[in-house]
Amino acid sequence: MKPFEPQDRVLVSPRHLAGAGVDRLADAIGPLIHLFGWPSEHEHANGRICVNSPDGSLFVNFNSLHTLGHWWTIAHHEPYWEARFTRQTPIEAIAAVTQALPQLIGDHRHIERIPLTATPLAQIADLNHWHREGDTFTSPDGHCHLQHTPGEETPWRFRHHVYEGFDTHWDASFTQDTPEQLVAQFFTHLATTTPVERAFRDIPYLVQDLDDALITPVRGAAVNPHVHHAGAQLDRAMRRR
């Protein structure tokens, strides 16, 4: 018997296991529209949303009906580069990238609310206990991988699955000429031990009972839910030594 009801709000770590966060998809687009004034188009018949930078150099496209499962595409013109994210990619990491885009074209409004990481990929991995072997960084539980292969058309690729399990697969890719700071921005907000909030039903089914996932309640804890989750993380780390 599962300890939570489907509608219960919970905190989940590590983030790469948490699933998309379907009730927070607007976090990746809303700030561009409402804080920075980027023009948008919404095709109500199929749900497709496209947001363009005022100078026409960048666009963010969301399409939940994409046949290959790439729900998100970010593209830049001259030089051309592209970032793509499949359905179950955690929205917090995607939003960290989209919200940073205005700074790429010189719009530094709200910079205090949207900090950009200056930390190299290798250091992000080390700080969050990801292991490195050759060109590949691997999460502590072994489920998520970042492969960096300089010189290839797509030199940065994140891949995730839980024992090849259904609905746990997602991937994120960044092509040549993507600013490495955007890759680091994604990695920072993916690898952090800070949990994300989900409705329990939105966590991939095979993760809900997975030992590698830590799931704690948002409501009903004796202390702040994040403090409670941090305590549970510490207790787990001590027991696994």
C-alpha atoms as a PDB file:
ATOM      1  CA  MET A   1       0.000   0.000   0.000  1.00  0.00           C
ATOM      2  CA  LYS A   2       1.393   3.389  -1.021  1.00  0.00           C
ATOM      3  CA  PRO A   3       1.870   5.933   1.786  1.00  0.00           C
ATOM      4  CA  PHE A   4       0.301   8.804  -0.189  1.00  0.00           C
ATOM      5  CA  GLU A   5      -2.967   9.496  -1.971  1.00  0.00           C
ATOM      6  CA  PRO A   6      -2.736  10.455  -5.659  1.00  0.00           C
ATOM      7  CA  GLN A   7      -3.605  14.095  -4.974  1.00  0.00           C
ATOM      8  CA  ASP A   8      -1.178  14.560  -2.076  1.00  0.00           C
ATOM      9  CA  ARG A   9       1.510  17.227  -2.505  1.00  0.00           C
ATOM     10  CA  VAL A  10       4.974  15.831  -1.842  1.00  0.00           C
ATOM     11  CA  LEU A  11       8.635  16.807  -2.067  1.00  0.00           C
ATOM     12  CA  VAL A  12      10.859  14.581  -4.216  1.00  0.00           C
ATOM     13  CA  SER A  13      14.608  14.153  -4.500  1.00  0.00           C
ATOM     14  CA  PRO A  14      16.731  13.582  -6.474  1.00  0.00           C
ATOM     15  CA  ARG A  15      15.155  15.821  -9.062  1.00  0.00           C
ATOM     16  CA  HIS A  16      15.949  13.645 -12.058  1.00  0.00           C
ATOM     17  CA  LEU A  17      13.521  11.016 -10.722  1.00  0.00           C
ATOM     18  CA  ALA A  18      10.615  13.388 -10.113  1.00  0.00           C
ATOM     19  CA  GLY A  19       9.097  13.446 -13.587  1.00  0.00           C
ATOM     20  CA  ALA A  20       8.023  16.486 -15.582  1.00  0.00           C
ATOM     21  CA  GLY A  21       5.967  18.441 -13.073  1.00  0.00           C
ATOM     22  CA  VAL A  22       3.051  18.880 -15.473  1.00  0.00           C
ATOM     23  CA  ASP A  23       1.223  21.373 -13.254  1.00  0.00           C
ATOM     24  CA  ARG A  24       4.195  23.755 -13.429  1.00  0.00           C
ATOM     25  CA  LEU A  25       4.836  23.879 -17.172  1.00  0.00           C
ATOM     26  CA  ALA A  26       4.008  27.592 -17.185  1.00  0.00           C
ATOM     27  CA  ASP A  27       7.160  28.260 -15.132  1.00  0.00           C
ATOM     28  CA  ALA A  28       9.204  27.805 -18.303  1.00  0.00           C
ATOM     29  CA  ILE A  29       7.179  30.223 -20.453  1.00  0.00           C
ATOM     30  CA  GLY A  30       5.268  32.569 -18.163  1.00  0.00           C
ATOM     31  CA  PRO A  31       8.256  34.698 -17.053  1.00  0.00           C
ATOM     32  CA  LEU A  32       9.321  35.303 -20.668  1.00  0.00           C
ATOM     33  CA  ILE A  33       5.846  36.614 -21.494  1.00  0.00           C
ATOM     34  CA  HIS A  34       4.933  38.459 -18.305  1.00  0.00           C
ATOM     35  CA  LEU A  35       8.311  39.707 -17.032  1.00  0.00           C
ATOM     36  CA  PHE A  36      10.157  40.303 -20.302  1.00  0.00           C
ATOM     37  CA  GLY A  37       7.327  40.926 -22.777  1.00  0.00           C
ATOM     38  CA  TRP A  38       8.244  38.275 -25.323  1.00  0.00           C
ATOM     39  CA  PRO A  39       5.527  37.844 -27.985  1.00  0.00           C
ATOM     40  CA  SER A  40       3.747  34.480 -27.937  1.00  0.00           C
ATOM     41  CA  GLU A  41       1.436  32.397 -30.091  1.00  0.00           C
ATOM     42  CA  HIS A  42      -0.899  29.754 -28.698  1.00  0.00           C
ATOM     43  CA  GLU A  43      -2.581  27.254 -31.018  1.00  0.00           C
ATOM     44  CA  HIS A  44      -5.561  26.206 -28.917  1.00  0.00           C
ATOM     45  CA  ALA A  45      -6.474  23.305 -31.198  1.00  0.00           C
ATOM     46  CA  ASN A  46      -3.304  21.363 -30.401  1.00  0.00           C
ATOM     47  CA  GLY A  47      -1.892  23.197 -27.376  1.00  0.00           C
ATOM     48  CA  ARG A  48       1.288  24.316 -29.137  1.00  0.00           C
ATOM     49  CA  ILE A  49       2.883  27.468 -27.699  1.00  0.00           C
ATOM     50  CA  CYS A  50       5.677  29.457 -29.295  1.00  0.00           C
ATOM     51  CA  VAL A  51       7.453  32.371 -27.609  1.00  0.00           C
ATOM     52  CA  ASN A  52       9.888  34.589 -29.534  1.00  0.00           C
ATOM     53  CA  SER A  53      12.468  37.063 -28.308  1.00  0.00           C
ATOM     54  CA  PRO A  54      11.762  40.676 -29.331  1.00  0.00           C
ATOM     55  CA  ASP A  55      14.833  40.723 -31.590  1.00  0.00           C
ATOM     56  CA  GLY A  56      13.804  37.477 -33.328  1.00  0.00           C
ATOM     57  CA  SER A  57      17.019  35.645 -32.443  1.00  0.00           C
ATOM     58  CA  LEU A  58      15.543  33.107 -30.015  1.00  0.00           C
ATOM     59  CA  PHE A  59      12.386  31.084 -29.763  1.00  0.00           C
ATOM     60  CA  VAL A  60      10.950  28.621 -27.270  1.00  0.00           C
ATOM     61  CA  ASN A  61       8.500  26.070 -28.589  1.00  0.00           C
ATOM     62  CA  PHE A  62       6.269  23.794 -26.487  1.00  0.00           C
ATOM     63  CA  ASN A  63       4.404  21.000 -28.254  1.00  0.00           C
ATOM     64  CA  SER A  64       2.955  18.158 -26.180  1.00  0.00           C
ATOM     65  CA  LEU A  65       1.892  16.316 -29.357  1.00  0.00           C
ATOM     66  CA  HIS A  66       5.377  16.072 -30.860  1.00  0.00           C
ATOM     67  CA  THR A  67       5.698  12.628 -32.421  1.00  0.00           C
ATOM     68  CA  LEU A  68       9.218  12.025 -31.065  1.00  0.00           C
ATOM     69  CA  GLY A  69       8.307  13.128 -27.567  1.00  0.00           C
ATOM     70  CA  HIS A  70      10.391  16.317 -27.613  1.00  0.00           C
ATOM     71  CA  TRP A  71       7.988  18.622 -25.828  1.00  0.00           C
ATOM     72  CA  TRP A  72      10.396  21.566 -25.619  1.00  0.00           C
ATOM     73  CA  THR A  73      12.685  23.143 -28.210  1.00  0.00           C
ATOM     74  CA  ILE A  74      14.816  26.230 -27.717  1.00  0.00           C
ATOM     75  CA  ALA A  75      16.541  27.505 -30.843  1.00  0.00           C
ATOM     76  CA  HIS A  76      18.852  30.399 -31.661  1.00  0.00           C
ATOM     77  CA  HIS A  77      19.667  31.890 -35.060  1.00  0.00           C
ATOM     78  CA  GLU A  78      23.147  32.949 -36.201  1.00  0.00           C
ATOM     79  CA  PRO A  79      24.856  30.969 -34.867  1.00  0.00           C
ATOM     80  CA  TYR A  80      22.246  28.261 -34.980  1.00  0.00           C
ATOM     81  CA  TRP A  81      22.002  26.098 -31.905  1.00  0.00           C
ATOM     82  CA  GLU A  82      19.204  24.078 -30.396  1.00  0.00           C
ATOM     83  CA  ALA A  83      18.267  22.562 -27.036  1.00  0.00           C
ATOM     84  CA  ARG A  84      15.569  19.900 -26.817  1.00  0.00           C
ATOM     85  CA  PHE A  85      13.854  18.230 -23.869  1.00  0.00           C
ATOM     86  CA  THR A  86      11.533  15.240 -23.826  1.00  0.00           C
ATOM     87  CA  ARG A  87       8.303  14.926 -21.864  1.00  0.00           C
ATOM     88  CA  GLN A  88       9.509  13.714 -18.452  1.00  0.00           C
ATOM     89  CA  THR A  89      12.426  16.160 -18.169  1.00  0.00           C
ATOM     90  CA  PRO A  90      11.983  17.980 -14.833  1.00  0.00           C
ATOM     91  CA  ILE A  91      10.453  21.386 -15.479  1.00  0.00           C
ATOM     92  CA  GLU A  92      12.638  23.127 -12.896  1.00  0.00           C
ATOM     93  CA  ALA A  93      15.764  22.468 -14.961  1.00  0.00           C
ATOM     94  CA  ILE A  94      14.056  23.534 -18.204  1.00  0.00           C
ATOM     95  CA  ALA A  95      12.727  26.731 -16.608  1.00  0.00           C
ATOM     96  CA  ALA A  96      16.221  27.573 -15.344  1.00  0.00           C
ATOM     97  CA  VAL A  97      17.325  27.630 -19.000  1.00  0.00           C
ATOM     98  CA  THR A  98      14.357  29.502 -20.501  1.00  0.00           C
ATOM     99  CA  GLN A  99      14.333  32.172 -17.794  1.00  0.00           C
ATOM    100  CA  ALA A 100      18.023  32.841 -18.428  1.00  0.00           C
ATOM    101  CA  LEU A 101      17.546  33.451 -22.165  1.00  0.00           C
ATOM    102  CA  PRO A 102      16.885  37.224 -21.955  1.00  0.00           C
ATOM    103  CA  GLN A 103      20.314  37.723 -20.406  1.00  0.00           C
ATOM    104  CA  LEU A 104      21.863  36.147 -23.519  1.00  0.00           C
ATOM    105  CA  ILE A 105      20.522  39.022 -25.621  1.00  0.00           C
ATOM    106  CA  GLY A 106      21.434  41.738 -23.143  1.00  0.00           C
ATOM    107  CA  ASP A 107      18.176  42.076 -21.177  1.00  0.00           C
ATOM    108  CA  HIS A 108      19.317  42.089 -17.562  1.00  0.00           C
ATOM    109  CA  ARG A 109      16.030  43.049 -15.961  1.00  0.00           C
ATOM    110  CA  HIS A 110      15.158  40.846 -12.978  1.00  0.00           C
ATOM    111  CA  ILE A 111      18.727  39.534 -12.871  1.00  0.00           C
ATOM    112  CA  GLU A 112      18.527  39.410  -9.089  1.00  0.00           C
ATOM    113  CA  ARG A 113      15.640  36.919  -9.372  1.00  0.00           C
ATOM    114  CA  ILE A 114      17.240  34.765 -12.096  1.00  0.00           C
ATOM    115  CA  PRO A 115      20.894  34.189 -11.186  1.00  0.00           C
ATOM    116  CA  LEU A 116      23.128  32.530 -13.756  1.00  0.00           C
ATOM    117  CA  THR A 117      25.601  29.911 -12.630  1.00  0.00           C
ATOM    118  CA  ALA A 118      29.273  30.521 -13.284  1.00  0.00           C
ATOM    119  CA  THR A 119      30.270  27.033 -12.119  1.00  0.00           C
ATOM    120  CA  PRO A 120      31.913  24.636 -14.642  1.00  0.00           C
ATOM    121  CA  LEU A 121      30.175  21.338 -15.382  1.00  0.00           C
ATOM    122  CA  ALA A 122      32.850  19.257 -13.665  1.00  0.00           C
ATOM    123  CA  GLN A 123      32.529  21.286 -10.484  1.00  0.00           C
ATOM    124  CA  ILE A 124      28.719  21.034 -10.519  1.00  0.00           C
ATOM    125  CA  ALA A 125      29.098  17.273 -10.781  1.00  0.00           C
ATOM    126  CA  ASP A 126      31.620  17.150  -7.952  1.00  0.00           C
ATOM    127  CA  LEU A 127      29.543  19.336  -5.634  1.00  0.00           C
ATOM    128  CA  ASN A 128      26.548  17.045  -6.095  1.00  0.00           C
ATOM    129  CA  HIS A 129      28.484  13.755  -5.919  1.00  0.00           C
ATOM    130  CA  TRP A 130      28.044  12.778  -9.551  1.00  0.00           C
ATOM    131  CA  HIS A 131      30.746  10.377 -10.703  1.00  0.00           C
ATOM    132  CA  ARG A 132      32.940  10.948 -13.755  1.00  0.00           C
ATOM    133  CA  GLU A 133      34.278   8.294 -16.069  1.00  0.00           C
ATOM    134  CA  GLY A 134      35.841   9.597 -19.256  1.00  0.00           C
ATOM    135  CA  ASP A 135      33.347  11.894 -20.984  1.00  0.00           C
ATOM    136  CA  THR A 136      30.376  10.815 -18.849  1.00  0.00           C
ATOM    137  CA  PHE A 137      29.042  12.132 -15.544  1.00  0.00           C
ATOM    138  CA  THR A 138      26.653   9.803 -13.675  1.00  0.00           C
ATOM    139  CA  SER A 139      24.260  10.587 -10.831  1.00  0.00           C
ATOM    140  CA  PRO A 140      24.930   8.889  -7.473  1.00  0.00           C
ATOM    141  CA  ASP A 141      22.071   6.413  -8.034  1.00  0.00           C
ATOM    142  CA  GLY A 142      23.219   5.592 -11.585  1.00  0.00           C
ATOM    143  CA  HIS A 143      19.934   6.529 -13.275  1.00  0.00           C
ATOM    144  CA  CYS A 144      20.971   9.798 -14.948  1.00  0.00           C
ATOM    145  CA  HIS A 145      23.940  10.473 -17.218  1.00  0.00           C
ATOM    146  CA  LEU A 146      25.490  13.545 -18.807  1.00  0.00           C
ATOM    147  CA  GLN A 147      27.700  12.732 -21.764  1.00  0.00           C
ATOM    148  CA  HIS A 148      29.998  15.482 -23.028  1.00  0.00           C
ATOM    149  CA  THR A 149      31.587  14.679 -26.362  1.00  0.00           C
ATOM    150  CA  PRO A 150      33.279  17.802 -27.774  1.00  0.00           C
ATOM    151  CA  GLY A 151      33.392  17.950 -31.541  1.00  0.00           C
ATOM    152  CA  GLU A 152      30.111  16.113 -32.115  1.00  0.00           C
ATOM    153  CA  GLU A 153      27.044  17.848 -33.512  1.00  0.00           C
ATOM    154  CA  THR A 154      25.333  17.371 -30.141  1.00  0.00           C
ATOM    155  CA  PRO A 155      28.162  17.559 -27.600  1.00  0.00           C
ATOM    156  CA  TRP A 156      25.989  17.627 -24.463  1.00  0.00           C
ATOM    157  CA  ARG A 157      23.370  14.965 -23.877  1.00  0.00           C
ATOM    158  CA  PHE A 158      21.522  14.007 -20.713  1.00  0.00           C
ATOM    159  CA  ARG A 159      19.864  10.586 -20.587  1.00  0.00           C
ATOM    160  CA  HIS A 160      17.707   9.140 -17.835  1.00  0.00           C
ATOM    161  CA  HIS A 161      15.786   5.962 -17.090  1.00  0.00           C
ATOM    162  CA  VAL A 162      15.076   3.646 -14.184  1.00  0.00           C
ATOM    163  CA  TYR A 163      16.085   0.122 -15.197  1.00  0.00           C
ATOM    164  CA  GLU A 164      14.615   0.731 -18.679  1.00  0.00           C
ATOM    165  CA  GLY A 165      11.270   1.225 -16.945  1.00  0.00           C
ATOM    166  CA  PHE A 166       8.162   2.591 -18.655  1.00  0.00           C
ATOM    167  CA  ASP A 167       7.630   6.354 -18.345  1.00  0.00           C
ATOM    168  CA  THR A 168      10.952   6.966 -16.599  1.00  0.00           C
ATOM    169  CA  HIS A 169      12.875   7.774 -19.791  1.00  0.00           C
ATOM    170  CA  TRP A 170      13.767  11.350 -20.619  1.00  0.00           C
ATOM    171  CA  ASP A 171      16.602  13.075 -22.406  1.00  0.00           C
ATOM    172  CA  ALA A 172      17.900  16.585 -22.938  1.00  0.00           C
ATOM    173  CA  SER A 173      20.337  17.631 -25.648  1.00  0.00           C
ATOM    174  CA  PHE A 174      22.296  20.758 -26.559  1.00  0.00           C
ATOM    175  CA  THR A 175      23.870  21.167 -29.995  1.00  0.00           C
ATOM    176  CA  GLN A 176      27.162  22.785 -30.979  1.00  0.00           C
ATOM    177  CA  ASP A 177      27.369  26.536 -30.322  1.00  0.00           C
ATOM    178  CA  THR A 178      24.930  26.369 -27.401  1.00  0.00           C
ATOM    179  CA  PRO A 179      26.459  28.618 -24.730  1.00  0.00           C
ATOM    180  CA  GLU A 180      27.973  26.237 -22.185  1.00  0.00           C
ATOM    181  CA  GLN A 181      26.602  28.445 -19.435  1.00  0.00           C
ATOM    182  CA  LEU A 182      23.082  27.348 -20.444  1.00  0.00           C
ATOM    183  CA  VAL A 183      24.127  23.700 -20.167  1.00  0.00           C
ATOM    184  CA  ALA A 184      25.565  24.464 -16.734  1.00  0.00           C
ATOM    185  CA  GLN A 185      22.349  26.265 -15.806  1.00  0.00           C
ATOM    186  CA  PHE A 186      20.344  23.142 -16.666  1.00  0.00           C
ATOM    187  CA  PHE A 187      22.775  20.844 -14.848  1.00  0.00           C
ATOM    188  CA  THR A 188      22.832  23.046 -11.727  1.00  0.00           C
ATOM    189  CA  HIS A 189      19.060  22.918 -11.360  1.00  0.00           C
ATOM    190  CA  LEU A 190      18.931  19.208 -12.143  1.00  0.00           C
ATOM    191  CA  ALA A 191      21.734  17.903  -9.921  1.00  0.00           C
ATOM    192  CA  THR A 192      21.004  19.959  -6.801  1.00  0.00           C
ATOM    193  CA  THR A 193      19.828  18.023  -3.750  1.00  0.00           C
ATOM    194  CA  THR A 194      17.039  20.567  -3.189  1.00  0.00           C
ATOM    195  CA  PRO A 195      13.756  18.661  -3.679  1.00  0.00           C
ATOM    196  CA  VAL A 196      10.941  19.609  -6.039  1.00  0.00           C
ATOM    197  CA  GLU A 197       7.225  19.600  -5.329  1.00  0.00           C
ATOM    198  CA  ARG A 198       4.856  17.279  -7.157  1.00  0.00           C
ATOM    199  CA  ALA A 199       1.404  15.810  -6.869  1.00  0.00           C
ATOM    200  CA  PHE A 200       2.115  12.200  -5.909  1.00  0.00           C
ATOM    201  CA  ARG A 201       0.198  10.925  -8.956  1.00  0.00           C
ATOM    202  CA  ASP A 202       2.549  12.834 -11.276  1.00  0.00           C
ATOM    203  CA  ILE A 203       5.663  11.009 -10.086  1.00  0.00           C
ATOM    204  CA  PRO A 204       6.449   8.186 -12.548  1.00  0.00           C
ATOM    205  CA  TYR A 205       4.791   5.017 -11.264  1.00  0.00           C
ATOM    206  CA  LEU A 206       8.016   3.014 -11.069  1.00  0.00           C
ATOM    207  CA  VAL A 207       9.603   5.780  -8.993  1.00  0.00           C
ATOM    208  CA  GLN A 208       6.831   5.954  -6.401  1.00  0.00           C
ATOM    209  CA  ASP A 209       8.180   2.903  -4.528  1.00  0.00           C
ATOM    210  CA  LEU A 210      11.808   3.213  -5.620  1.00  0.00           C
ATOM    211  CA  ASP A 211      14.366   3.116  -2.811  1.00  0.00           C
ATOM    212  CA  ASP A 212      16.518   5.684  -4.620  1.00  0.00           C
ATOM    213  CA  ALA A 213      13.720   8.280  -4.469  1.00  0.00           C
ATOM    214  CA  LEU A 214      13.025  10.210  -1.275  1.00  0.00           C
ATOM    215  CA  ILE A 215       9.394  11.357  -1.073  1.00  0.00           C
ATOM    216  CA  THR A 216       8.118  13.330   1.923  1.00  0.00           C
ATOM    217  CA  PRO A 217       4.808  15.133   2.575  1.00  0.00           C
ATOM    218  CA  VAL A 218       4.278  18.848   2.053  1.00  0.00           C
ATOM    219  CA  ARG A 219       1.464  18.945   4.576  1.00  0.00           C
ATOM    220  CA  GLY A 220       1.372  17.346   7.997  1.00  0.00           C
ATOM    221  CA  ALA A 221       5.060  17.581   8.836  1.00  0.00           C
ATOM    222  CA  ALA A 222       5.912  18.835  12.320  1.00  0.00           C
ATOM    223  CA  VAL A 223       8.413  21.331  10.833  1.00  0.00           C
ATOM    224  CA  ASN A 224       8.803  23.205   7.550  1.00  0.00           C
ATOM    225  CA  PRO A 225       8.407  20.605   4.731  1.00  0.00           C
ATOM    226  CA  HIS A 226      11.831  21.423   3.262  1.00  0.00           C
ATOM    227  CA  VAL A 227      13.477  21.129   6.671  1.00  0.00           C
ATOM    228  CA  HIS A 228      11.705  17.805   7.158  1.00  0.00           C
ATOM    229  CA  HIS A 229      12.941  16.602   3.751  1.00  0.00           C
ATOM    230  CA  ALA A 230      16.507  17.728   4.482  1.00  0.00           C
ATOM    231  CA  GLY A 231      16.394  15.820   7.761  1.00  0.00           C
ATOM    232  CA  ALA A 232      15.204  12.722   5.938  1.00  0.00           C
ATOM    233  CA  GLN A 233      18.039  13.119   3.407  1.00  0.00           C
ATOM    234  CA  LEU A 234      20.580  13.310   6.236  1.00  0.00           C
ATOM    235  CA  ASP A 235      19.079  10.304   8.005  1.00  0.00           C
ATOM    236  CA  ARG A 236      19.208   8.279   4.786  1.00  0.00           C
ATOM    237  CA  ALA A 237      22.830   9.256   4.151  1.00  0.00           C
ATOM    238  CA  MET A 238      23.812   8.189   7.672  1.00  0.00           C
ATOM    239  CA  ARG A 239      22.068   4.836   7.351  1.00  0.00           C
ATOM    240  CA  ARG A 240      23.780   4.114   4.017  1.00  0.00           C
ATOM    241  CA  ARG A 241      27.302   4.641   5.310  1.00  0.00           C
END
